């Protein structure tokens, strides 16, 4: 019986499972948005929210805890310098999980896992970026 045993096993041995989740969490903190299966996203969300909470704390022990889990030192420093200060006034719920589609090959349910404030910080691409640049130049011309 599995009483009070939580967490998903993903049909993998523990070392592969840990490596998988470490990779997903590191990619999430690096890119601030990833797409993966719903089950993997739910497990990664638990861990990533804990990492962000460590980032908000910001003491030496928290840095060591994060560096023990995140695979890239640059991502860990980005967590403490950029990501954590944005959430310093928030008590939890740093990530959003949006279920999107069924994967074509195996019909696995897919989801996007992103930081809650991702829409505010993402850079516009394509036509939106061109119109934004045009708007900035028009403002400069009016100011002169």
Protein backbone atom coordinates (compact mmCIF):
# COMPACT_ATOMS: atom_id res chain seq x y z
CA UNK A 1 0.00 0.00 0.00
CA UNK A 2 1.16 3.50 -0.80
CA UNK A 3 -0.27 5.36 2.14
CA UNK A 4 1.06 8.94 2.29
CA UNK A 5 3.65 8.30 -0.44
CA UNK A 6 3.44 11.24 -2.79
CA UNK A 7 5.17 12.09 -6.04
CA UNK A 8 5.08 10.60 -9.49
CA UNK A 9 7.52 7.88 -10.52
CA UNK A 10 7.36 8.34 -14.34
CA UNK A 11 8.32 4.66 -14.77
CA UNK A 12 11.98 5.49 -14.15
CA UNK A 13 14.58 4.64 -11.53
CA UNK A 14 15.16 7.30 -8.89
CA UNK A 15 18.41 8.64 -10.34
CA UNK A 16 16.85 9.14 -13.80
CA UNK A 17 13.75 10.70 -12.24
CA UNK A 18 15.85 13.14 -10.23
CA UNK A 19 17.93 14.04 -13.30
CA UNK A 20 14.78 14.59 -15.36
CA UNK A 21 13.23 16.93 -12.79
CA UNK A 22 16.51 18.80 -12.25
CA UNK A 23 16.72 19.40 -16.00
CA UNK A 24 13.12 20.58 -16.25
CA UNK A 25 13.43 22.96 -13.27
CA UNK A 26 16.72 24.36 -14.58
CA UNK A 27 15.20 24.93 -18.04
CA UNK A 28 12.16 26.58 -16.46
CA UNK A 29 14.25 28.99 -14.41
CA UNK A 30 16.45 29.74 -17.42
CA UNK A 31 13.69 30.34 -19.97
CA UNK A 32 10.87 31.25 -17.54
CA UNK A 33 8.44 29.22 -19.65
CA UNK A 34 8.49 25.59 -20.87
CA UNK A 35 6.10 23.10 -22.45
CA UNK A 36 6.05 19.54 -21.16
CA UNK A 37 3.55 16.86 -20.20
CA UNK A 38 1.03 17.66 -17.49
CA UNK A 39 2.41 15.09 -15.03
CA UNK A 40 6.00 16.33 -15.41
CA UNK A 41 4.84 19.94 -15.16
CA UNK A 42 2.97 19.26 -11.90
CA UNK A 43 6.01 17.62 -10.33
CA UNK A 44 8.38 20.31 -11.59
CA UNK A 45 6.05 23.01 -10.28
CA UNK A 46 6.38 21.68 -6.72
CA UNK A 47 10.16 21.81 -6.88
CA UNK A 48 10.48 25.09 -8.79
CA UNK A 49 8.22 26.93 -6.34
CA UNK A 50 10.46 25.71 -3.54
CA UNK A 51 13.53 27.00 -5.44
CA UNK A 52 11.90 30.42 -5.89
CA UNK A 53 11.07 30.50 -2.18
CA UNK A 54 14.75 29.82 -1.46
CA UNK A 55 15.60 32.64 -3.86
CA UNK A 56 13.36 35.05 -1.97
CA UNK A 57 14.99 34.07 1.32
CA UNK A 58 18.39 34.73 -0.22
CA UNK A 59 20.63 33.66 2.68
CA UNK A 60 23.72 31.47 2.31
CA UNK A 61 21.93 28.25 3.21
CA UNK A 62 19.25 28.95 0.59
CA UNK A 63 21.92 29.54 -2.06
CA UNK A 64 23.54 26.24 -1.21
CA UNK A 65 20.18 24.45 -1.33
CA UNK A 66 19.48 25.87 -4.80
CA UNK A 67 22.98 25.09 -6.09
CA UNK A 68 22.57 21.51 -4.89
CA UNK A 69 19.54 21.11 -7.16
CA UNK A 70 19.91 23.48 -10.14
CA UNK A 71 22.44 22.18 -12.65
CA UNK A 72 23.76 25.55 -13.91
CA UNK A 73 25.42 28.21 -11.72
CA UNK A 74 24.34 31.00 -14.11
CA UNK A 75 20.70 29.96 -13.74
CA UNK A 76 21.05 29.92 -9.96
CA UNK A 77 22.51 33.44 -9.96
CA UNK A 78 19.70 34.55 -12.29
CA UNK A 79 17.21 33.12 -9.80
CA UNK A 80 18.64 35.16 -6.93
CA UNK A 81 19.29 38.37 -8.88
CA UNK A 82 16.34 38.63 -11.31
CA UNK A 83 13.52 36.17 -10.60
CA UNK A 84 13.28 36.18 -6.80
CA UNK A 85 13.11 40.00 -6.36
CA UNK A 86 10.04 40.11 -8.64
CA UNK A 87 8.19 37.78 -6.25
CA UNK A 88 9.45 39.17 -2.94
CA UNK A 89 6.02 40.51 -1.91
CA UNK A 90 4.22 37.28 -2.80
CA UNK A 91 3.53 34.40 -0.40
CA UNK A 92 3.37 31.63 -2.98
CA UNK A 93 1.88 30.69 -6.32
CA UNK A 94 4.85 31.80 -8.42
CA UNK A 95 4.07 29.49 -11.34
CA UNK A 96 1.14 29.01 -13.68
CA UNK A 97 0.22 25.66 -15.27
CA UNK A 98 -1.86 25.91 -18.44
CA UNK A 99 -3.00 22.69 -20.09
CA UNK A 100 -2.71 23.14 -23.84
CA UNK A 101 -3.12 20.16 -26.18
CA UNK A 102 -2.68 16.46 -26.80
CA UNK A 103 0.74 15.56 -28.23
CA UNK A 104 0.44 14.24 -31.78
CA UNK A 105 2.58 11.10 -31.46
CA UNK A 106 1.27 9.55 -28.26
CA UNK A 107 -1.70 11.76 -27.30
CA UNK A 108 -0.03 12.73 -24.04
CA UNK A 109 -1.67 15.77 -22.43
CA UNK A 110 0.71 18.74 -22.70
CA UNK A 111 0.94 21.84 -20.53
CA UNK A 112 2.82 25.13 -20.40
CA UNK A 113 4.55 25.87 -17.12
CA UNK A 114 5.48 29.54 -16.74
CA UNK A 115 6.17 32.19 -14.17
CA UNK A 116 3.06 34.15 -13.21
CA UNK A 117 4.48 37.46 -14.46
CA UNK A 118 5.83 35.99 -17.72
CA UNK A 119 3.46 38.00 -19.94
CA UNK A 120 4.69 41.27 -18.44
CA UNK A 121 8.37 40.51 -19.07
CA UNK A 122 8.35 38.68 -22.39
CA UNK A 123 9.73 40.53 -25.38
CA UNK A 124 7.34 41.00 -28.30
CA UNK A 125 8.27 39.31 -31.57
CA UNK A 126 7.33 39.96 -35.19
CA UNK A 127 4.83 42.69 -35.99
CA UNK A 128 4.26 43.59 -32.34
CA UNK A 129 7.96 44.39 -31.91
CA UNK A 130 8.01 46.51 -35.08
CA UNK A 131 4.96 48.53 -34.05
CA UNK A 132 6.39 49.00 -30.56
CA UNK A 133 9.67 50.28 -32.02
CA UNK A 134 7.75 52.57 -34.38
CA UNK A 135 5.74 53.90 -31.44
CA UNK A 136 8.93 54.68 -29.52
CA UNK A 137 10.44 56.61 -32.45
CA UNK A 138 7.25 58.64 -32.85
CA UNK A 139 7.37 59.56 -29.16
CA UNK A 140 10.99 60.67 -29.51
CA UNK A 141 10.12 62.85 -32.53
CA UNK A 142 7.26 64.51 -30.63
CA UNK A 143 9.52 65.17 -27.64
CA UNK A 144 12.08 66.94 -29.86
